[in-house]
Amino acid sequence: MQGTRVDVFERIFLVFLGLGALVGIVVVAYTLYNAYKYRDTGEAGEDEDLPSVGELPTGGKGGKKLFLSFGISAVIVISLVIWTYGMLLYVEDPGDGGDSAQEEALNVEVTGDSFAWFFEYDNGIESTATLRVPAGEQVWIQSTSGDVWHAFGIPEQRVKADAIPGEYDETWFETKESEAGQQQEIKCFELCGEYHTSMVGTLQIMDSDEFDQWMDDQLTMEFTIEDQNESRVTEGYELTLESQESDFEESYTADEFENGSIEITDIEQGGEYNVTIEPTDGQFEPVEDQFDMTGPVSETYQLEMNATESTANESETNDGGGA
């Protein structure tokens, strides 16, 4: 079975609507037929065995119509229950690939906290209030809460999941290609406090290429190296970048910097990173830093002269002044 959650619930709605309309038409038509057939014309036929007042009517061919109607109704209801149950099983688990299919999809952790929604993608990138997803791709949600009970929901995608402190509720949705460029409202469906009605967010449905470009922009680092006079340093150091979340580790020499600045775009994972700047000619003191990458990073590091170089420079300055 293929389709989005919207497709599934629309099919269920249309089947129930069609069946209900059909039953209604049959019942009303049969009622009108009997009302017309057995209307009081004031002229009773000679062969009619009419019951007197208070007497139960007889006949009906042994109740065949009653049993037939009950039998048909039972078959319809049981079939409808089985079909609906199968549709809802698909909603619970839409993929044939099991856990591997979910791992390949876009996974987002949703946290409701202080009347706002916070989103963390599986690569460590975070955003607030706006959930950006690619059109036509499956998205899995793991929802939780940082304070009280909430309920994450996107009405137009037929999605709702509890957000409970200390617990995770899992659900999914899949937008359509035709919805690219649309913005849909995210709501809280649990009465969570004074500002419950203002706890809203935005689902931004993007074209796949546009989403990939946005994600690449989030996974960008820019480093600038300056000296104590805030002048760009163009030589004499090497920068090493190491991820604590993945096996990424790269080194960049001063030659790879452009006027003391470098932009790194081959990052695939956010999270904790270690930065080490080592002098290559002994001129500067080494620098070590750590940061959490949840979006674009722009850092400026100031290199300090090491003690030996600083003393030598001071000596040269003093000698020059004395001359």
C-alpha atoms as a PDB file:
ATOM      1  CA  MET A   1       0.000   0.000   0.000  1.00  0.00           C
ATOM      2  CA  GLN A   2       1.349   3.381  -0.998  1.00  0.00           C
ATOM      3  CA  GLY A   3       0.454   6.913  -0.050  1.00  0.00           C
ATOM      4  CA  THR A   4       0.787   9.581   2.581  1.00  0.00           C
ATOM      5  CA  ARG A   5      -1.111   9.854   5.843  1.00  0.00           C
ATOM      6  CA  VAL A   6      -3.427  12.339   4.136  1.00  0.00           C
ATOM      7  CA  ASP A   7      -4.171   9.790   1.407  1.00  0.00           C
ATOM      8  CA  VAL A   8      -4.946   7.082   3.961  1.00  0.00           C
ATOM      9  CA  PHE A   9      -7.349   9.152   6.030  1.00  0.00           C
ATOM     10  CA  GLU A  10      -9.019  10.572   2.929  1.00  0.00           C
ATOM     11  CA  ARG A  11      -9.662   7.025   1.666  1.00  0.00           C
ATOM     12  CA  ILE A  12     -11.154   6.024   5.016  1.00  0.00           C
ATOM     13  CA  PHE A  13     -13.312   9.142   5.075  1.00  0.00           C
ATOM     14  CA  LEU A  14     -14.550   8.636   1.503  1.00  0.00           C
ATOM     15  CA  VAL A  15     -15.377   4.958   2.097  1.00  0.00           C
ATOM     16  CA  PHE A  16     -17.342   5.740   5.260  1.00  0.00           C
ATOM     17  CA  LEU A  17     -19.017   8.685   3.558  1.00  0.00           C
ATOM     18  CA  GLY A  18     -19.989   6.609   0.494  1.00  0.00           C
ATOM     19  CA  LEU A  19     -21.194   3.657   2.550  1.00  0.00           C
ATOM     20  CA  GLY A  20     -23.151   5.918   4.893  1.00  0.00           C
ATOM     21  CA  ALA A  21     -24.744   7.703   1.961  1.00  0.00           C
ATOM     22  CA  LEU A  22     -25.659   4.370   0.335  1.00  0.00           C
ATOM     23  CA  VAL A  23     -27.222   3.019   3.530  1.00  0.00           C
ATOM     24  CA  GLY A  24     -29.114   6.258   4.016  1.00  0.00           C
ATOM     25  CA  ILE A  25     -30.465   6.167   0.469  1.00  0.00           C
ATOM     26  CA  VAL A  26     -31.557   2.510   0.818  1.00  0.00           C
ATOM     27  CA  VAL A  27     -33.240   3.079   4.187  1.00  0.00           C
ATOM     28  CA  VAL A  28     -35.051   6.241   3.094  1.00  0.00           C
ATOM     29  CA  ALA A  29     -36.081   4.683  -0.242  1.00  0.00           C
ATOM     30  CA  TYR A  30     -37.362   1.509   1.460  1.00  0.00           C
ATOM     31  CA  THR A  31     -39.240   3.559   4.031  1.00  0.00           C
ATOM     32  CA  LEU A  32     -40.910   5.657   1.321  1.00  0.00           C
ATOM     33  CA  TYR A  33     -41.709   2.524  -0.667  1.00  0.00           C
ATOM     34  CA  ASN A  34     -43.444   0.876   2.302  1.00  0.00           C
ATOM     35  CA  ALA A  35     -45.214   4.096   3.208  1.00  0.00           C
ATOM     36  CA  TYR A  36     -46.630   4.281  -0.305  1.00  0.00           C
ATOM     37  CA  LYS A  37     -47.383   0.565  -0.642  1.00  0.00           C
ATOM     38  CA  TYR A  38     -49.191   0.240   2.648  1.00  0.00           C
ATOM     39  CA  ARG A  39     -50.835   3.632   2.655  1.00  0.00           C
ATOM     40  CA  ASP A  40     -54.433   3.851   3.862  1.00  0.00           C
ATOM     41  CA  THR A  41     -56.673   4.118   0.820  1.00  0.00           C
ATOM     42  CA  GLY A  42     -59.872   3.498   2.808  1.00  0.00           C
ATOM     43  CA  GLU A  43     -60.647   0.422   0.705  1.00  0.00           C
ATOM     44  CA  ALA A  44     -59.548  -2.937   2.078  1.00  0.00           C
ATOM     45  CA  GLY A  45     -59.288  -5.861  -0.309  1.00  0.00           C
ATOM     46  CA  GLU A  46     -61.496  -8.890   0.258  1.00  0.00           C
ATOM     47  CA  ASP A  47     -58.533 -11.250   0.687  1.00  0.00           C
ATOM     48  CA  GLU A  48     -56.577  -9.053   3.091  1.00  0.00           C
ATOM     49  CA  ASP A  49     -56.214 -10.441   6.607  1.00  0.00           C
ATOM     50  CA  LEU A  50     -55.922  -7.191   8.523  1.00  0.00           C
ATOM     51  CA  PRO A  51     -54.939  -7.332  12.213  1.00  0.00           C
ATOM     52  CA  SER A  52     -57.246  -5.735  14.697  1.00  0.00           C
ATOM     53  CA  VAL A  53     -56.148  -3.046  17.122  1.00  0.00           C
ATOM     54  CA  GLY A  54     -53.664  -4.440  19.660  1.00  0.00           C
ATOM     55  CA  GLU A  55     -52.993  -7.611  17.660  1.00  0.00           C
ATOM     56  CA  LEU A  56     -49.439  -8.364  16.504  1.00  0.00           C
ATOM     57  CA  PRO A  57     -49.066  -8.738  12.752  1.00  0.00           C
ATOM     58  CA  THR A  58     -48.238 -12.182  11.403  1.00  0.00           C
ATOM     59  CA  GLY A  59     -46.528 -13.370   8.259  1.00  0.00           C
ATOM     60  CA  GLY A  60     -43.243 -11.972   6.989  1.00  0.00           C
ATOM     61  CA  LYS A  61     -42.231 -15.297   5.425  1.00  0.00           C
ATOM     62  CA  GLY A  62     -40.666 -16.670   8.576  1.00  0.00           C
ATOM     63  CA  GLY A  63     -38.426 -13.649   9.238  1.00  0.00           C
ATOM     64  CA  LYS A  64     -36.303 -14.204   6.130  1.00  0.00           C
ATOM     65  CA  LYS A  65     -36.063 -10.474   5.423  1.00  0.00           C
ATOM     66  CA  LEU A  66     -34.927  -9.809   9.003  1.00  0.00           C
ATOM     67  CA  PHE A  67     -32.230 -12.457   8.919  1.00  0.00           C
ATOM     68  CA  LEU A  68     -31.132 -11.411   5.453  1.00  0.00           C
ATOM     69  CA  SER A  69     -30.776  -7.762   6.495  1.00  0.00           C
ATOM     70  CA  PHE A  70     -28.851  -8.696   9.640  1.00  0.00           C
ATOM     71  CA  GLY A  71     -26.561 -11.003   7.663  1.00  0.00           C
ATOM     72  CA  ILE A  72     -25.749  -8.420   5.014  1.00  0.00           C
ATOM     73  CA  SER A  73     -25.162  -5.764   7.686  1.00  0.00           C
ATOM     74  CA  ALA A  74     -22.810  -8.061   9.621  1.00  0.00           C
ATOM     75  CA  VAL A  75     -20.758  -8.839   6.497  1.00  0.00           C
ATOM     76  CA  ILE A  76     -20.488  -5.141   5.616  1.00  0.00           C
ATOM     77  CA  VAL A  77     -19.521  -4.070   9.154  1.00  0.00           C
ATOM     78  CA  ILE A  78     -16.936  -6.853   9.647  1.00  0.00           C
ATOM     79  CA  SER A  79     -15.389  -6.190   6.223  1.00  0.00           C
ATOM     80  CA  LEU A  80     -15.248  -2.476   6.977  1.00  0.00           C
ATOM     81  CA  VAL A  81     -13.567  -3.082  10.332  1.00  0.00           C
ATOM     82  CA  ILE A  82     -10.935  -5.377   8.790  1.00  0.00           C
ATOM     83  CA  TRP A  83     -10.215  -2.962   5.928  1.00  0.00           C
ATOM     84  CA  THR A  84      -9.961   0.055   8.247  1.00  0.00           C
ATOM     85  CA  TYR A  85      -7.679  -1.851  10.611  1.00  0.00           C
ATOM     86  CA  GLY A  86      -5.366  -2.689   7.701  1.00  0.00           C
ATOM     87  CA  MET A  87      -5.259   0.971   6.654  1.00  0.00           C
ATOM     88  CA  LEU A  88      -4.384   2.065  10.190  1.00  0.00           C
ATOM     89  CA  LEU A  89      -1.647  -0.575  10.388  1.00  0.00           C
ATOM     90  CA  TYR A  90      -0.071   1.142   7.395  1.00  0.00           C
ATOM     91  CA  VAL A  91      -0.255   4.448   9.262  1.00  0.00           C
ATOM     92  CA  GLU A  92       1.602   2.839  12.165  1.00  0.00           C
ATOM     93  CA  ASP A  93       4.297   1.315   9.925  1.00  0.00           C
ATOM     94  CA  PRO A  94       4.312   2.680   6.359  1.00  0.00           C
ATOM     95  CA  GLY A  95       7.498   1.039   5.097  1.00  0.00           C
ATOM     96  CA  ASP A  96       8.367  -2.501   4.101  1.00  0.00           C
ATOM     97  CA  GLY A  97      11.998  -1.943   5.001  1.00  0.00           C
ATOM     98  CA  GLY A  98      11.485  -1.752   8.753  1.00  0.00           C
ATOM     99  CA  ASP A  99      14.103   0.114  10.764  1.00  0.00           C
ATOM    100  CA  SER A 100      16.421   0.534   7.766  1.00  0.00           C
ATOM    101  CA  ALA A 101      13.734   2.476   5.866  1.00  0.00           C
ATOM    102  CA  GLN A 102      13.281   4.787   8.828  1.00  0.00           C
ATOM    103  CA  GLU A 103      17.024   5.316   9.176  1.00  0.00           C
ATOM    104  CA  GLU A 104      17.239   6.382   5.541  1.00  0.00           C
ATOM    105  CA  ALA A 105      14.382   8.869   5.982  1.00  0.00           C
ATOM    106  CA  LEU A 106      14.710  12.335   7.509  1.00  0.00           C
ATOM    107  CA  ASN A 107      14.547  12.015  11.304  1.00  0.00           C
ATOM    108  CA  VAL A 108      13.708  15.002  13.500  1.00  0.00           C
ATOM    109  CA  GLU A 109      13.476  15.240  17.282  1.00  0.00           C
ATOM    110  CA  VAL A 110      10.728  17.650  18.328  1.00  0.00           C
ATOM    111  CA  THR A 111      10.730  19.210  21.802  1.00  0.00           C
ATOM    112  CA  GLY A 112       7.913  21.294  23.225  1.00  0.00           C
ATOM    113  CA  ASP A 113       9.189  23.645  25.908  1.00  0.00           C
ATOM    114  CA  SER A 114       8.068  27.015  27.312  1.00  0.00           C
ATOM    115  CA  PHE A 115       5.267  27.299  24.745  1.00  0.00           C
ATOM    116  CA  ALA A 116       7.581  26.903  21.753  1.00  0.00           C
ATOM    117  CA  TRP A 117       8.675  24.105  19.421  1.00  0.00           C
ATOM    118  CA  PHE A 118      12.319  23.154  18.973  1.00  0.00           C
ATOM    119  CA  PHE A 119      13.547  20.879  16.174  1.00  0.00           C
ATOM    120  CA  GLU A 120      16.789  18.891  16.000  1.00  0.00           C
ATOM    121  CA  TYR A 121      17.649  17.009  12.818  1.00  0.00           C
ATOM    122  CA  ASP A 122      19.494  13.704  12.944  1.00  0.00           C
ATOM    123  CA  ASN A 123      22.704  15.418  11.795  1.00  0.00           C
ATOM    124  CA  GLY A 124      22.682  17.760  14.812  1.00  0.00           C
ATOM    125  CA  ILE A 125      21.304  20.886  13.100  1.00  0.00           C
ATOM    126  CA  GLU A 126      18.658  22.694  15.151  1.00  0.00           C
ATOM    127  CA  SER A 127      15.930  25.233  14.466  1.00  0.00           C
ATOM    128  CA  THR A 128      13.206  26.930  16.463  1.00  0.00           C
ATOM    129  CA  ALA A 129       9.564  27.429  15.468  1.00  0.00           C
ATOM    130  CA  THR A 130      10.129  26.426  11.807  1.00  0.00           C
ATOM    131  CA  LEU A 131      10.412  22.795  10.684  1.00  0.00           C
ATOM    132  CA  ARG A 132      11.876  22.608   7.183  1.00  0.00           C
ATOM    133  CA  VAL A 133      11.328  19.389   5.226  1.00  0.00           C
ATOM    134  CA  PRO A 134      11.824  18.303   1.592  1.00  0.00           C
ATOM    135  CA  ALA A 135       8.683  17.731  -0.468  1.00  0.00           C
ATOM    136  CA  GLY A 136       7.849  14.151  -1.363  1.00  0.00           C
ATOM    137  CA  GLU A 137      10.104  12.558   1.261  1.00  0.00           C
ATOM    138  CA  GLN A 138       9.177  10.678   4.401  1.00  0.00           C
ATOM    139  CA  VAL A 139       9.847  12.420   7.718  1.00  0.00           C
ATOM    140  CA  TRP A 140       9.934  10.627  11.084  1.00  0.00           C
ATOM    141  CA  ILE A 141       9.196  12.573  14.248  1.00  0.00           C
ATOM    142  CA  GLN A 142      10.312  11.713  17.785  1.00  0.00           C
ATOM    143  CA  SER A 143       8.431  14.084  20.082  1.00  0.00           C
ATOM    144  CA  THR A 144       9.105  14.868  23.724  1.00  0.00           C
ATOM    145  CA  SER A 145       8.716  17.758  26.158  1.00  0.00           C
ATOM    146  CA  GLY A 146      11.022  19.795  28.325  1.00  0.00           C
ATOM    147  CA  ASP A 147       8.418  20.992  30.817  1.00  0.00           C
ATOM    148  CA  VAL A 148       4.765  19.850  30.776  1.00  0.00           C
ATOM    149  CA  TRP A 149       2.573  17.675  28.578  1.00  0.00           C
ATOM    150  CA  HIS A 150       2.151  18.922  25.009  1.00  0.00           C
ATOM    151  CA  ALA A 151       0.836  17.355  21.805  1.00  0.00           C
ATOM    152  CA  PHE A 152       2.645  18.075  18.543  1.00  0.00           C
ATOM    153  CA  GLY A 153       0.357  18.263  15.540  1.00  0.00           C
ATOM    154  CA  ILE A 154       0.210  19.330  11.887  1.00  0.00           C
ATOM    155  CA  PRO A 155      -3.487  19.378  10.931  1.00  0.00           C
ATOM    156  CA  GLU A 156      -2.943  19.505   7.174  1.00  0.00           C
ATOM    157  CA  GLN A 157      -0.687  16.411   7.332  1.00  0.00           C
ATOM    158  CA  ARG A 158      -3.016  14.524   9.722  1.00  0.00           C
ATOM    159  CA  VAL A 159      -0.161  14.227  12.229  1.00  0.00           C
ATOM    160  CA  LYS A 160      -0.404  14.248  16.001  1.00  0.00           C
ATOM    161  CA  ALA A 161       1.991  12.915  18.640  1.00  0.00           C
ATOM    162  CA  ASP A 162       2.159  13.272  22.415  1.00  0.00           C
ATOM    163  CA  ALA A 163       5.063  15.277  23.826  1.00  0.00           C
ATOM    164  CA  ILE A 164       5.610  14.037  27.382  1.00  0.00           C
ATOM    165  CA  PRO A 165       8.598  14.851  29.624  1.00  0.00           C
ATOM    166  CA  GLY A 166      11.027  11.929  29.757  1.00  0.00           C
ATOM    167  CA  GLU A 167       9.245   9.979  27.013  1.00  0.00           C
ATOM    168  CA  TYR A 168       9.351   9.842  23.211  1.00  0.00           C
ATOM    169  CA  ASP A 169       6.375   9.353  20.924  1.00  0.00           C
ATOM    170  CA  GLU A 170       7.111   8.388  17.331  1.00  0.00           C
ATOM    171  CA  THR A 171       5.140   9.170  14.201  1.00  0.00           C
ATOM    172  CA  TRP A 172       5.702  10.071  10.555  1.00  0.00           C
ATOM    173  CA  PHE A 173       4.344  12.056   7.666  1.00  0.00           C
ATOM    174  CA  GLU A 174       5.122  12.570   4.012  1.00  0.00           C
ATOM    175  CA  THR A 175       4.346  15.713   2.064  1.00  0.00           C
ATOM    176  CA  LYS A 176       3.512  15.747  -1.641  1.00  0.00           C
ATOM    177  CA  GLU A 177       5.695  17.121  -4.407  1.00  0.00           C
ATOM    178  CA  SER A 178       2.907  19.541  -5.298  1.00  0.00           C
ATOM    179  CA  GLU A 179       3.115  21.089  -1.808  1.00  0.00           C
ATOM    180  CA  ALA A 180       6.638  22.429  -2.335  1.00  0.00           C
ATOM    181  CA  GLY A 181       6.756  26.089  -1.331  1.00  0.00           C
ATOM    182  CA  GLN A 182       3.815  25.846   1.058  1.00  0.00           C
ATOM    183  CA  GLN A 183       3.799  26.792   4.726  1.00  0.00           C
ATOM    184  CA  GLN A 184       1.539  24.858   7.084  1.00  0.00           C
ATOM    185  CA  GLU A 185       0.745  25.523  10.723  1.00  0.00           C
ATOM    186  CA  ILE A 186       2.074  23.473  13.620  1.00  0.00           C
ATOM    187  CA  LYS A 187      -0.101  23.454  16.726  1.00  0.00           C
ATOM    188  CA  CYS A 188      -0.190  22.112  20.266  1.00  0.00           C
ATOM    189  CA  PHE A 189      -3.228  19.880  20.836  1.00  0.00           C
ATOM    190  CA  GLU A 190      -2.801  19.596  24.610  1.00  0.00           C
ATOM    191  CA  LEU A 191      -4.045  22.303  26.960  1.00  0.00           C
ATOM    192  CA  CYS A 192      -0.587  23.060  28.370  1.00  0.00           C
ATOM    193  CA  GLY A 193      -0.858  26.405  30.138  1.00  0.00           C
ATOM    194  CA  GLU A 194      -1.482  30.105  29.898  1.00  0.00           C
ATOM    195  CA  TYR A 195       0.094  30.557  26.449  1.00  0.00           C
ATOM    196  CA  HIS A 196      -1.199  27.327  24.913  1.00  0.00           C
ATOM    197  CA  THR A 197      -2.920  29.092  22.023  1.00  0.00           C
ATOM    198  CA  SER A 198       0.292  30.887  21.056  1.00  0.00           C
ATOM    199  CA  MET A 199       2.312  27.654  20.954  1.00  0.00           C
ATOM    200  CA  VAL A 200       2.436  27.464  17.176  1.00  0.00           C
ATOM    201  CA  GLY A 201       5.107  26.813  14.592  1.00  0.00           C
ATOM    202  CA  THR A 202       5.534  26.552  10.835  1.00  0.00           C
ATOM    203  CA  LEU A 203       6.099  23.577   8.587  1.00  0.00           C
ATOM    204  CA  GLN A 204       8.112  24.868   5.621  1.00  0.00           C
ATOM    205  CA  ILE A 205       7.852  22.452   2.680  1.00  0.00           C
ATOM    206  CA  MET A 206      10.795  22.959   0.354  1.00  0.00           C
ATOM    207  CA  ASP A 207      11.861  21.618  -2.993  1.00  0.00           C
ATOM    208  CA  SER A 208      14.394  18.807  -2.480  1.00  0.00           C
ATOM    209  CA  ASP A 209      17.274  20.764  -4.043  1.00  0.00           C
ATOM    210  CA  GLU A 210      16.334  23.851  -2.046  1.00  0.00           C
ATOM    211  CA  PHE A 211      16.241  21.821   1.163  1.00  0.00           C
ATOM    212  CA  ASP A 212      19.652  20.263   0.417  1.00  0.00           C
ATOM    213  CA  GLN A 213      21.082  23.735  -0.187  1.00  0.00           C
ATOM    214  CA  TRP A 214      19.595  25.003   3.079  1.00  0.00           C
ATOM    215  CA  MET A 215      21.062  22.070   4.965  1.00  0.00           C
ATOM    216  CA  ASP A 216      24.467  22.605   3.316  1.00  0.00           C
ATOM    217  CA  ASP A 217      24.338  26.237   4.442  1.00  0.00           C
ATOM    218  CA  GLN A 218      23.692  25.073   8.009  1.00  0.00           C
ATOM    219  CA  LEU A 219      26.694  22.735   7.817  1.00  0.00           C
ATOM    220  CA  THR A 220      29.170  25.492   7.034  1.00  0.00           C
ATOM    221  CA  MET A 221      32.067  26.691   9.168  1.00  0.00           C
ATOM    222  CA  GLU A 222      34.074  29.871   8.718  1.00  0.00           C
ATOM    223  CA  PHE A 223      37.258  30.562  10.667  1.00  0.00           C
ATOM    224  CA  THR A 224      39.266  33.779  10.754  1.00  0.00           C
ATOM    225  CA  ILE A 225      42.730  34.042  12.286  1.00  0.00           C
ATOM    226  CA  GLU A 226      43.964  37.371  13.673  1.00  0.00           C
ATOM    227  CA  ASP A 227      46.877  38.584  15.746  1.00  0.00           C
ATOM    228  CA  GLN A 228      46.666  40.725  18.870  1.00  0.00           C
ATOM    229  CA  ASN A 229      46.363  43.826  16.720  1.00  0.00           C
ATOM    230  CA  GLU A 230      43.292  42.346  14.956  1.00  0.00           C
ATOM    231  CA  SER A 231      45.239  42.013  11.718  1.00  0.00           C
ATOM    232  CA  ARG A 232      44.739  38.900   9.605  1.00  0.00           C
ATOM    233  CA  VAL A 233      47.441  36.251  10.031  1.00  0.00           C
ATOM    234  CA  THR A 234      48.311  34.527   6.766  1.00  0.00           C
ATOM    235  CA  GLU A 235      51.135  32.157   7.698  1.00  0.00           C
ATOM    236  CA  GLY A 236      52.736  30.205  10.499  1.00  0.00           C
ATOM    237  CA  TYR A 237      49.872  27.956  11.729  1.00  0.00           C
ATOM    238  CA  GLU A 238      47.759  24.862  11.036  1.00  0.00           C
ATOM    239  CA  LEU A 239      44.103  24.408  12.065  1.00  0.00           C
ATOM    240  CA  THR A 240      42.782  20.941  12.962  1.00  0.00           C
ATOM    241  CA  LEU A 241      39.040  20.298  13.141  1.00  0.00           C
ATOM    242  CA  GLU A 242      37.767  17.142  14.863  1.00  0.00           C
ATOM    243  CA  SER A 243      34.178  15.977  15.355  1.00  0.00           C
ATOM    244  CA  GLN A 244      33.125  14.205  18.541  1.00  0.00           C
ATOM    245  CA  GLU A 245      29.973  12.883  16.839  1.00  0.00           C
ATOM    246  CA  SER A 246      31.580  11.291  13.752  1.00  0.00           C
ATOM    247  CA  ASP A 247      34.954  10.231  12.355  1.00  0.00           C
ATOM    248  CA  PHE A 248      35.514  13.616  10.692  1.00  0.00           C
ATOM    249  CA  GLU A 249      39.021  15.028  11.310  1.00  0.00           C
ATOM    250  CA  GLU A 250      40.781  17.406   8.936  1.00  0.00           C
ATOM    251  CA  SER A 251      43.738  19.764   9.080  1.00  0.00           C
ATOM    252  CA  TYR A 252      44.103  23.009   7.140  1.00  0.00           C
ATOM    253  CA  THR A 253      47.394  24.849   6.687  1.00  0.00           C
ATOM    254  CA  ALA A 254      47.720  28.611   6.476  1.00  0.00           C
ATOM    255  CA  ASP A 255      48.218  28.270   2.702  1.00  0.00           C
ATOM    256  CA  GLU A 256      44.602  27.052   2.408  1.00  0.00           C
ATOM    257  CA  PHE A 257      43.309  30.218   4.093  1.00  0.00           C
ATOM    258  CA  GLU A 258      42.441  33.257   2.015  1.00  0.00           C
ATOM    259  CA  ASN A 259      43.718  36.370   3.755  1.00  0.00           C
ATOM    260  CA  GLY A 260      43.548  34.600   7.109  1.00  0.00           C
ATOM    261  CA  SER A 261      40.034  33.225   6.567  1.00  0.00           C
ATOM    262  CA  ILE A 262      38.702  29.842   5.445  1.00  0.00           C
ATOM    263  CA  GLU A 263      35.208  28.489   4.751  1.00  0.00           C
ATOM    264  CA  ILE A 264      34.693  24.749   5.268  1.00  0.00           C
ATOM    265  CA  THR A 265      31.702  23.272   3.452  1.00  0.00           C
ATOM    266  CA  ASP A 266      32.369  19.519   3.483  1.00  0.00           C
ATOM    267  CA  ILE A 267      30.787  19.044   6.923  1.00  0.00           C
ATOM    268  CA  GLU A 268      28.101  16.344   7.158  1.00  0.00           C
ATOM    269  CA  GLN A 269      27.438  16.193  10.895  1.00  0.00           C
ATOM    270  CA  GLY A 270      26.765  18.851  13.517  1.00  0.00           C
ATOM    271  CA  GLY A 271      27.370  18.479  17.242  1.00  0.00           C
ATOM    272  CA  GLU A 272      30.494  18.904  19.336  1.00  0.00           C
ATOM    273  CA  TYR A 273      33.731  19.864  17.577  1.00  0.00           C
ATOM    274  CA  ASN A 274      37.286  20.399  18.794  1.00  0.00           C
ATOM    275  CA  VAL A 275      39.439  23.058  17.169  1.00  0.00           C
ATOM    276  CA  THR A 276      43.210  23.157  17.562  1.00  0.00           C
ATOM    277  CA  ILE A 277      45.475  25.812  16.045  1.00  0.00           C
ATOM    278  CA  GLU A 278      49.117  24.771  16.146  1.00  0.00           C
ATOM    279  CA  PRO A 279      51.991  27.127  15.193  1.00  0.00           C
ATOM    280  CA  THR A 280      54.239  25.768  12.453  1.00  0.00           C
ATOM    281  CA  ASP A 281      57.177  28.106  13.077  1.00  0.00           C
ATOM    282  CA  GLY A 282      56.957  28.557  16.846  1.00  0.00           C
ATOM    283  CA  GLN A 283      55.838  32.142  16.502  1.00  0.00           C
ATOM    284  CA  PHE A 284      52.423  31.797  18.236  1.00  0.00           C
ATOM    285  CA  GLU A 285      50.937  30.086  21.239  1.00  0.00           C
ATOM    286  CA  PRO A 286      48.705  27.081  20.386  1.00  0.00           C
ATOM    287  CA  VAL A 287      44.937  27.563  20.642  1.00  0.00           C
ATOM    288  CA  GLU A 288      42.359  24.964  21.682  1.00  0.00           C
ATOM    289  CA  ASP A 289      38.597  25.443  21.574  1.00  0.00           C
ATOM    290  CA  GLN A 290      35.363  23.454  21.584  1.00  0.00           C
ATOM    291  CA  PHE A 291      31.934  24.385  20.262  1.00  0.00           C
ATOM    292  CA  ASP A 292      28.542  22.847  19.544  1.00  0.00           C
ATOM    293  CA  MET A 293      27.521  23.124  15.906  1.00  0.00           C
ATOM    294  CA  THR A 294      23.733  23.501  15.593  1.00  0.00           C
ATOM    295  CA  GLY A 295      23.845  25.811  12.573  1.00  0.00           C
ATOM    296  CA  PRO A 296      26.331  27.894  10.577  1.00  0.00           C
ATOM    297  CA  VAL A 297      29.533  28.561  12.540  1.00  0.00           C
ATOM    298  CA  SER A 298      31.626  31.696  12.258  1.00  0.00           C
ATOM    299  CA  GLU A 299      34.564  31.946  14.655  1.00  0.00           C
ATOM    300  CA  THR A 300      37.468  34.387  14.949  1.00  0.00           C
ATOM    301  CA  TYR A 301      40.567  33.284  16.822  1.00  0.00           C
ATOM    302  CA  GLN A 302      43.251  35.632  18.059  1.00  0.00           C
ATOM    303  CA  LEU A 303      46.787  34.254  18.112  1.00  0.00           C
ATOM    304  CA  GLU A 304      49.123  35.357  20.847  1.00  0.00           C
ATOM    305  CA  MET A 305      52.875  35.533  20.401  1.00  0.00           C
ATOM    306  CA  ASN A 306      54.675  32.913  22.444  1.00  0.00           C
ATOM    307  CA  ALA A 307      56.859  34.079  25.316  1.00  0.00           C
ATOM    308  CA  THR A 308      60.167  33.623  23.469  1.00  0.00           C
ATOM    309  CA  GLU A 309      59.060  35.508  20.365  1.00  0.00           C
ATOM    310  CA  SER A 310      57.444  38.222  22.478  1.00  0.00           C
ATOM    311  CA  THR A 311      60.665  38.724  24.476  1.00  0.00           C
ATOM    312  CA  ALA A 312      62.753  38.794  21.310  1.00  0.00           C
ATOM    313  CA  ASN A 313      60.473  41.379  19.731  1.00  0.00           C
ATOM    314  CA  GLU A 314      60.612  43.527  22.842  1.00  0.00           C
ATOM    315  CA  SER A 315      64.413  43.294  22.845  1.00  0.00           C
ATOM    316  CA  GLU A 316      64.613  44.316  19.224  1.00  0.00           C
ATOM    317  CA  THR A 317      62.269  47.208  19.892  1.00  0.00           C
ATOM    318  CA  ASN A 318      64.285  48.366  22.885  1.00  0.00           C
ATOM    319  CA  ASP A 319      67.587  48.026  20.982  1.00  0.00           C
ATOM    320  CA  GLY A 320      66.186  49.987  18.101  1.00  0.00           C
ATOM    321  CA  GLY A 321      64.913  52.682  20.428  1.00  0.00           C
ATOM    322  CA  GLY A 322      68.278  52.937  22.172  1.00  0.00           C
ATOM    323  CA  ALA A 323      70.161  53.343  18.900  1.00  0.00           C
END
